[in-house]
Amino acid sequence: MIQGITWLLGFQLVGETLSYASGGHVPGPVIGLALLALFLLATRRFSAAAAMEQSTGKVADGLLANLGILFVPAGVGIIQHLDLVISMGLPILVAILVSTVVTLVVTVWAFTLAKHLEQQWRRKP
């Protein structure tokens, strides 16, 4: 388990370093995860990579199984400031609804654009 978390944190550190060096346009954990995925794909044939994949998989499963614990502080914060949430309830509700609708519209637009581009790409000889 120590080995798996070391791999995950190592790739996150590399991702954070690259993110900082490039101006921070892409979050470091995203870069680290992409590098980890590429590394695992590139070294898939080696037996050492299988052990690494197994150890990081166990750690990732453990993190995902306990992900709910990470949301407890947010819930406690909401309860602590419940009077503020109630007094600002309408603006919060409007912000949630508008952002949800905008997210859905942009997601559908991006999907249809990607599908259209894929169809055009497949038609080319």
N, C-alpha and C. Protein backbone atom coordinates (compact mmCIF):
# COMPACT_ATOMS: atom_id res chain seq x y z
N MET A 1 0.83 -1.19 0.00
CA MET A 1 0.00 0.00 0.00
C MET A 1 0.87 1.25 0.00
N ILE A 2 1.96 1.23 0.73
CA ILE A 2 2.88 2.37 0.76
C ILE A 2 3.44 2.60 -0.64
N GLN A 3 3.75 1.51 -1.33
CA GLN A 3 4.31 1.63 -2.67
C GLN A 3 3.28 2.27 -3.62
N GLY A 4 2.03 1.87 -3.50
CA GLY A 4 1.00 2.43 -4.38
C GLY A 4 0.77 3.90 -4.15
N ILE A 5 0.70 4.31 -2.89
CA ILE A 5 0.48 5.73 -2.61
C ILE A 5 1.71 6.55 -2.99
N THR A 6 2.90 5.94 -2.89
CA THR A 6 4.11 6.63 -3.33
C THR A 6 4.07 6.89 -4.82
N TRP A 7 3.63 5.90 -5.60
CA TRP A 7 3.49 6.10 -7.04
C TRP A 7 2.48 7.21 -7.36
N LEU A 8 1.32 7.16 -6.69
CA LEU A 8 0.30 8.17 -6.95
C LEU A 8 0.79 9.57 -6.60
N LEU A 9 1.39 9.71 -5.42
CA LEU A 9 1.88 11.02 -5.01
C LEU A 9 3.06 11.47 -5.84
N GLY A 10 3.89 10.54 -6.27
CA GLY A 10 5.03 10.89 -7.14
C GLY A 10 4.56 11.46 -8.47
N PHE A 11 3.60 10.80 -9.08
CA PHE A 11 3.08 11.31 -10.35
C PHE A 11 2.33 12.63 -10.15
N GLN A 12 1.67 12.78 -9.01
CA GLN A 12 1.01 14.05 -8.74
C GLN A 12 2.04 15.16 -8.57
N LEU A 13 3.15 14.86 -7.92
CA LEU A 13 4.21 15.84 -7.76
C LEU A 13 4.79 16.26 -9.11
N VAL A 14 5.02 15.30 -9.98
CA VAL A 14 5.52 15.62 -11.31
C VAL A 14 4.48 16.47 -12.05
N GLY A 15 3.22 16.13 -11.92
CA GLY A 15 2.16 16.90 -12.56
C GLY A 15 2.10 18.32 -12.02
N GLU A 16 2.21 18.47 -10.70
CA GLU A 16 2.20 19.81 -10.09
C GLU A 16 3.39 20.63 -10.57
N THR A 17 4.55 19.99 -10.67
CA THR A 17 5.75 20.68 -11.13
C THR A 17 5.57 21.15 -12.57
N LEU A 18 5.05 20.28 -13.43
CA LEU A 18 4.83 20.65 -14.82
C LEU A 18 3.76 21.74 -14.94
N SER A 19 2.74 21.65 -14.11
CA SER A 19 1.69 22.66 -14.12
C SER A 19 2.24 24.02 -13.71
N TYR A 20 3.05 24.04 -12.67
CA TYR A 20 3.64 25.29 -12.20
C TYR A 20 4.58 25.86 -13.26
N ALA A 21 5.38 24.99 -13.88
CA ALA A 21 6.34 25.45 -14.89
C ALA A 21 5.66 25.98 -16.14
N SER A 22 4.47 25.45 -16.45
CA SER A 22 3.78 25.88 -17.67
C SER A 22 2.78 27.00 -17.43
N GLY A 23 2.73 27.51 -16.24
CA GLY A 23 1.82 28.62 -15.97
C GLY A 23 0.52 28.22 -15.30
N GLY A 24 0.34 26.96 -15.03
CA GLY A 24 -0.83 26.50 -14.28
C GLY A 24 -2.14 26.49 -15.03
N HIS A 25 -2.10 26.30 -16.33
CA HIS A 25 -3.36 26.27 -17.09
C HIS A 25 -4.12 24.96 -16.90
N VAL A 26 -3.38 23.90 -16.64
CA VAL A 26 -4.00 22.59 -16.39
C VAL A 26 -3.61 22.18 -14.97
N PRO A 27 -4.56 21.72 -14.16
CA PRO A 27 -4.23 21.33 -12.78
C PRO A 27 -3.19 20.21 -12.72
N GLY A 28 -2.32 20.30 -11.74
CA GLY A 28 -1.25 19.32 -11.58
C GLY A 28 -1.74 17.89 -11.42
N PRO A 29 -2.79 17.65 -10.60
CA PRO A 29 -3.27 16.27 -10.48
C PRO A 29 -3.78 15.69 -11.80
N VAL A 30 -4.33 16.52 -12.66
CA VAL A 30 -4.79 16.03 -13.97
C VAL A 30 -3.59 15.62 -14.82
N ILE A 31 -2.56 16.45 -14.81
CA ILE A 31 -1.34 16.11 -15.57
C ILE A 31 -0.72 14.84 -15.00
N GLY A 32 -0.64 14.75 -13.67
CA GLY A 32 -0.06 13.57 -13.04
C GLY A 32 -0.82 12.30 -13.36
N LEU A 33 -2.15 12.39 -13.35
CA LEU A 33 -2.97 11.22 -13.67
C LEU A 33 -2.78 10.81 -15.13
N ALA A 34 -2.69 11.79 -16.02
CA ALA A 34 -2.46 11.47 -17.43
C ALA A 34 -1.09 10.82 -17.62
N LEU A 35 -0.08 11.34 -16.93
CA LEU A 35 1.26 10.74 -17.02
C LEU A 35 1.27 9.32 -16.46
N LEU A 36 0.56 9.11 -15.35
CA LEU A 36 0.47 7.77 -14.77
C LEU A 36 -0.20 6.81 -15.74
N ALA A 37 -1.28 7.24 -16.37
CA ALA A 37 -1.97 6.38 -17.34
C ALA A 37 -1.07 6.07 -18.52
N LEU A 38 -0.36 7.08 -19.03
CA LEU A 38 0.56 6.84 -20.15
C LEU A 38 1.70 5.91 -19.75
N PHE A 39 2.22 6.11 -18.53
CA PHE A 39 3.29 5.24 -18.05
C PHE A 39 2.82 3.79 -17.95
N LEU A 40 1.63 3.59 -17.41
CA LEU A 40 1.11 2.23 -17.28
C LEU A 40 0.86 1.59 -18.64
N LEU A 41 0.37 2.40 -19.59
CA LEU A 41 0.16 1.86 -20.94
C LEU A 41 1.49 1.52 -21.62
N ALA A 42 2.50 2.37 -21.43
CA ALA A 42 3.79 2.15 -22.08
C ALA A 42 4.53 0.96 -21.49
N THR A 43 4.34 0.69 -20.22
CA THR A 43 5.09 -0.39 -19.56
C THR A 43 4.22 -1.61 -19.26
N ARG A 44 3.13 -1.75 -19.95
CA ARG A 44 2.17 -2.82 -19.66
C ARG A 44 2.77 -4.22 -19.83
N ARG A 45 3.76 -4.36 -20.68
CA ARG A 45 4.33 -5.69 -20.97
C ARG A 45 5.31 -6.16 -19.90
N PHE A 46 5.75 -5.27 -19.04
CA PHE A 46 6.76 -5.62 -18.05
C PHE A 46 6.10 -6.09 -16.76
N SER A 47 6.73 -7.05 -16.09
CA SER A 47 6.13 -7.60 -14.87
C SER A 47 6.16 -6.59 -13.73
N ALA A 48 7.15 -5.70 -13.70
CA ALA A 48 7.21 -4.68 -12.65
C ALA A 48 6.03 -3.73 -12.77
N ALA A 49 5.59 -3.46 -13.99
CA ALA A 49 4.45 -2.57 -14.19
C ALA A 49 3.17 -3.20 -13.67
N ALA A 50 3.06 -4.52 -13.76
CA ALA A 50 1.87 -5.21 -13.25
C ALA A 50 1.79 -5.06 -11.74
N ALA A 51 2.93 -5.16 -11.06
CA ALA A 51 2.94 -4.97 -9.61
C ALA A 51 2.59 -3.53 -9.25
N MET A 52 3.11 -2.60 -10.03
CA MET A 52 2.80 -1.19 -9.78
C MET A 52 1.31 -0.92 -10.00
N GLU A 53 0.78 -1.48 -11.06
CA GLU A 53 -0.65 -1.30 -11.36
C GLU A 53 -1.52 -1.89 -10.25
N GLN A 54 -1.12 -3.02 -9.73
CA GLN A 54 -1.89 -3.66 -8.67
C GLN A 54 -1.82 -2.84 -7.38
N SER A 55 -0.64 -2.34 -7.03
CA SER A 55 -0.51 -1.58 -5.79
C SER A 55 -1.23 -0.23 -5.87
N THR A 56 -1.14 0.45 -7.02
CA THR A 56 -1.86 1.72 -7.17
C THR A 56 -3.36 1.48 -7.25
N GLY A 57 -3.75 0.35 -7.82
CA GLY A 57 -5.18 0.02 -7.88
C GLY A 57 -5.78 -0.18 -6.51
N LYS A 58 -5.04 -0.85 -5.61
CA LYS A 58 -5.52 -1.06 -4.25
C LYS A 58 -5.69 0.27 -3.52
N VAL A 59 -4.72 1.16 -3.68
CA VAL A 59 -4.80 2.48 -3.03
C VAL A 59 -5.96 3.28 -3.61
N ALA A 60 -6.11 3.26 -4.92
CA ALA A 60 -7.20 4.00 -5.55
C ALA A 60 -8.56 3.47 -5.10
N ASP A 61 -8.69 2.15 -5.01
CA ASP A 61 -9.94 1.56 -4.52
C ASP A 61 -10.23 2.00 -3.09
N GLY A 62 -9.20 2.02 -2.26
CA GLY A 62 -9.37 2.46 -0.88
C GLY A 62 -9.78 3.92 -0.79
N LEU A 63 -9.17 4.77 -1.61
CA LEU A 63 -9.54 6.19 -1.62
C LEU A 63 -10.99 6.37 -2.08
N LEU A 64 -11.37 5.65 -3.12
CA LEU A 64 -12.74 5.78 -3.62
C LEU A 64 -13.76 5.24 -2.63
N ALA A 65 -13.40 4.19 -1.91
CA ALA A 65 -14.33 3.61 -0.93
C ALA A 65 -14.59 4.58 0.23
N ASN A 66 -13.64 5.44 0.52
CA ASN A 66 -13.76 6.37 1.64
C ASN A 66 -13.95 7.81 1.18
N LEU A 67 -14.35 8.01 -0.03
CA LEU A 67 -14.50 9.35 -0.58
C LEU A 67 -15.54 10.17 0.16
N GLY A 68 -16.55 9.52 0.71
CA GLY A 68 -17.60 10.24 1.44
C GLY A 68 -17.06 11.00 2.63
N ILE A 69 -16.00 10.50 3.24
CA ILE A 69 -15.41 11.18 4.40
C ILE A 69 -14.92 12.56 4.01
N LEU A 70 -14.48 12.72 2.77
CA LEU A 70 -13.96 14.02 2.33
C LEU A 70 -15.06 15.07 2.24
N PHE A 71 -16.32 14.63 2.14
CA PHE A 71 -17.42 15.58 2.03
C PHE A 71 -17.99 15.98 3.37
N VAL A 72 -17.58 15.33 4.44
CA VAL A 72 -18.09 15.67 5.77
C VAL A 72 -17.77 17.11 6.16
N PRO A 73 -16.54 17.60 5.96
CA PRO A 73 -16.27 19.00 6.33
C PRO A 73 -17.17 20.00 5.60
N ALA A 74 -17.50 19.75 4.34
CA ALA A 74 -18.39 20.65 3.62
C ALA A 74 -19.78 20.64 4.24
N GLY A 75 -20.26 19.46 4.60
CA GLY A 75 -21.57 19.36 5.25
C GLY A 75 -21.59 20.06 6.60
N VAL A 76 -20.52 19.92 7.37
CA VAL A 76 -20.42 20.59 8.67
C VAL A 76 -20.40 22.10 8.48
N GLY A 77 -19.69 22.57 7.47
CA GLY A 77 -19.64 24.01 7.18
C GLY A 77 -21.01 24.56 6.83
N ILE A 78 -21.78 23.79 6.07
CA ILE A 78 -23.13 24.24 5.70
C ILE A 78 -24.01 24.32 6.95
N ILE A 79 -23.91 23.33 7.81
CA ILE A 79 -24.72 23.34 9.03
C ILE A 79 -24.30 24.49 9.96
N GLN A 80 -22.99 24.74 10.06
CA GLN A 80 -22.51 25.83 10.90
C GLN A 80 -23.02 27.18 10.43
N HIS A 81 -23.13 27.36 9.14
CA HIS A 81 -23.55 28.64 8.56
C HIS A 81 -24.94 28.53 7.95
N LEU A 82 -25.80 27.74 8.57
CA LEU A 82 -27.14 27.51 8.06
C LEU A 82 -27.94 28.81 7.97
N ASP A 83 -27.76 29.72 8.92
CA ASP A 83 -28.47 30.99 8.86
C ASP A 83 -28.10 31.78 7.62
N LEU A 84 -26.82 31.75 7.24
CA LEU A 84 -26.37 32.43 6.02
C LEU A 84 -26.94 31.75 4.78
N VAL A 85 -26.96 30.42 4.78
CA VAL A 85 -27.51 29.67 3.65
C VAL A 85 -28.99 29.98 3.49
N ILE A 86 -29.72 30.06 4.62
CA ILE A 86 -31.16 30.36 4.55
C ILE A 86 -31.39 31.79 4.07
N SER A 87 -30.61 32.74 4.57
CA SER A 87 -30.81 34.13 4.17
C SER A 87 -30.44 34.36 2.70
N MET A 88 -29.50 33.58 2.19
CA MET A 88 -29.09 33.72 0.79
C MET A 88 -29.61 32.56 -0.06
N GLY A 89 -30.68 31.94 0.38
CA GLY A 89 -31.21 30.75 -0.27
C GLY A 89 -31.60 30.95 -1.72
N LEU A 90 -32.31 32.04 -2.01
CA LEU A 90 -32.77 32.27 -3.39
C LEU A 90 -31.60 32.49 -4.35
N PRO A 91 -30.62 33.36 -4.03
CA PRO A 91 -29.48 33.49 -4.95
C PRO A 91 -28.70 32.19 -5.11
N ILE A 92 -28.58 31.41 -4.04
CA ILE A 92 -27.87 30.14 -4.15
C ILE A 92 -28.63 29.18 -5.06
N LEU A 93 -29.94 29.12 -4.89
CA LEU A 93 -30.77 28.25 -5.72
C LEU A 93 -30.71 28.66 -7.18
N VAL A 94 -30.78 29.96 -7.45
CA VAL A 94 -30.70 30.45 -8.83
C VAL A 94 -29.34 30.11 -9.44
N ALA A 95 -28.27 30.31 -8.66
CA ALA A 95 -26.93 29.99 -9.16
C ALA A 95 -26.80 28.51 -9.48
N ILE A 96 -27.33 27.66 -8.63
CA ILE A 96 -27.25 26.21 -8.86
C ILE A 96 -28.05 25.83 -10.11
N LEU A 97 -29.26 26.35 -10.23
CA LEU A 97 -30.09 26.01 -11.39
C LEU A 97 -29.49 26.52 -12.70
N VAL A 98 -29.05 27.78 -12.70
CA VAL A 98 -28.47 28.35 -13.93
C VAL A 98 -27.20 27.61 -14.32
N SER A 99 -26.33 27.34 -13.35
CA SER A 99 -25.09 26.64 -13.68
C SER A 99 -25.36 25.22 -14.16
N THR A 100 -26.38 24.57 -13.62
CA THR A 100 -26.73 23.22 -14.07
C THR A 100 -27.22 23.24 -15.52
N VAL A 101 -28.10 24.19 -15.83
CA VAL A 101 -28.61 24.29 -17.19
C VAL A 101 -27.49 24.63 -18.17
N VAL A 102 -26.62 25.57 -17.81
CA VAL A 102 -25.51 25.94 -18.69
C VAL A 102 -24.58 24.74 -18.90
N THR A 103 -24.31 24.00 -17.84
CA THR A 103 -23.45 22.82 -17.96
C THR A 103 -24.07 21.78 -18.88
N LEU A 104 -25.37 21.54 -18.75
CA LEU A 104 -26.04 20.59 -19.63
C LEU A 104 -26.01 21.03 -21.08
N VAL A 105 -26.27 22.31 -21.32
CA VAL A 105 -26.28 22.82 -22.69
C VAL A 105 -24.88 22.72 -23.31
N VAL A 106 -23.86 23.11 -22.57
CA VAL A 106 -22.50 23.05 -23.11
C VAL A 106 -22.08 21.60 -23.33
N THR A 107 -22.47 20.70 -22.46
CA THR A 107 -22.13 19.29 -22.62
C THR A 107 -22.79 18.72 -23.88
N VAL A 108 -24.06 19.02 -24.08
CA VAL A 108 -24.76 18.54 -25.28
C VAL A 108 -24.13 19.14 -26.53
N TRP A 109 -23.81 20.43 -26.48
CA TRP A 109 -23.19 21.09 -27.63
C TRP A 109 -21.84 20.44 -27.95
N ALA A 110 -21.02 20.20 -26.93
CA ALA A 110 -19.71 19.60 -27.15
C ALA A 110 -19.85 18.18 -27.70
N PHE A 111 -20.82 17.43 -27.20
CA PHE A 111 -21.03 16.08 -27.69
C PHE A 111 -21.45 16.08 -29.15
N THR A 112 -22.40 16.95 -29.50
CA THR A 112 -22.85 16.99 -30.90
C THR A 112 -21.73 17.48 -31.83
N LEU A 113 -20.93 18.42 -31.36
CA LEU A 113 -19.80 18.88 -32.17
C LEU A 113 -18.80 17.74 -32.37
N ALA A 114 -18.48 17.02 -31.30
CA ALA A 114 -17.54 15.90 -31.41
C ALA A 114 -18.09 14.81 -32.33
N LYS A 115 -19.37 14.53 -32.22
CA LYS A 115 -19.98 13.52 -33.08
C LYS A 115 -19.96 13.96 -34.55
N HIS A 116 -20.24 15.24 -34.78
CA HIS A 116 -20.22 15.78 -36.14
C HIS A 116 -18.80 15.71 -36.72
N LEU A 117 -17.82 16.08 -35.93
CA LEU A 117 -16.43 16.03 -36.40
C LEU A 117 -15.98 14.60 -36.64
N GLU A 118 -16.43 13.67 -35.81
CA GLU A 118 -16.08 12.27 -36.01
C GLU A 118 -16.69 11.74 -37.31
N GLN A 119 -17.93 12.11 -37.59
CA GLN A 119 -18.58 11.66 -38.82
C GLN A 119 -17.86 12.24 -40.04
N GLN A 120 -17.46 13.50 -39.96
CA GLN A 120 -16.71 14.08 -41.07
C GLN A 120 -15.37 13.39 -41.25
N TRP A 121 -14.71 13.06 -40.14
CA TRP A 121 -13.42 12.41 -40.22
C TRP A 121 -13.54 11.02 -40.81
N ARG A 122 -14.62 10.29 -40.49
CA ARG A 122 -14.81 8.94 -41.02
C ARG A 122 -15.16 8.95 -42.51
N ARG A 123 -15.79 10.02 -42.99
CA ARG A 123 -16.17 10.10 -44.40
C ARG A 123 -14.99 10.35 -45.31
N LYS A 124 -13.93 10.98 -44.78
CA LYS A 124 -12.78 11.30 -45.63
C LYS A 124 -12.06 10.02 -46.03
N PRO A 125 -11.69 9.91 -47.31
CA PRO A 125 -11.02 8.69 -47.78
C PRO A 125 -9.58 8.60 -47.35
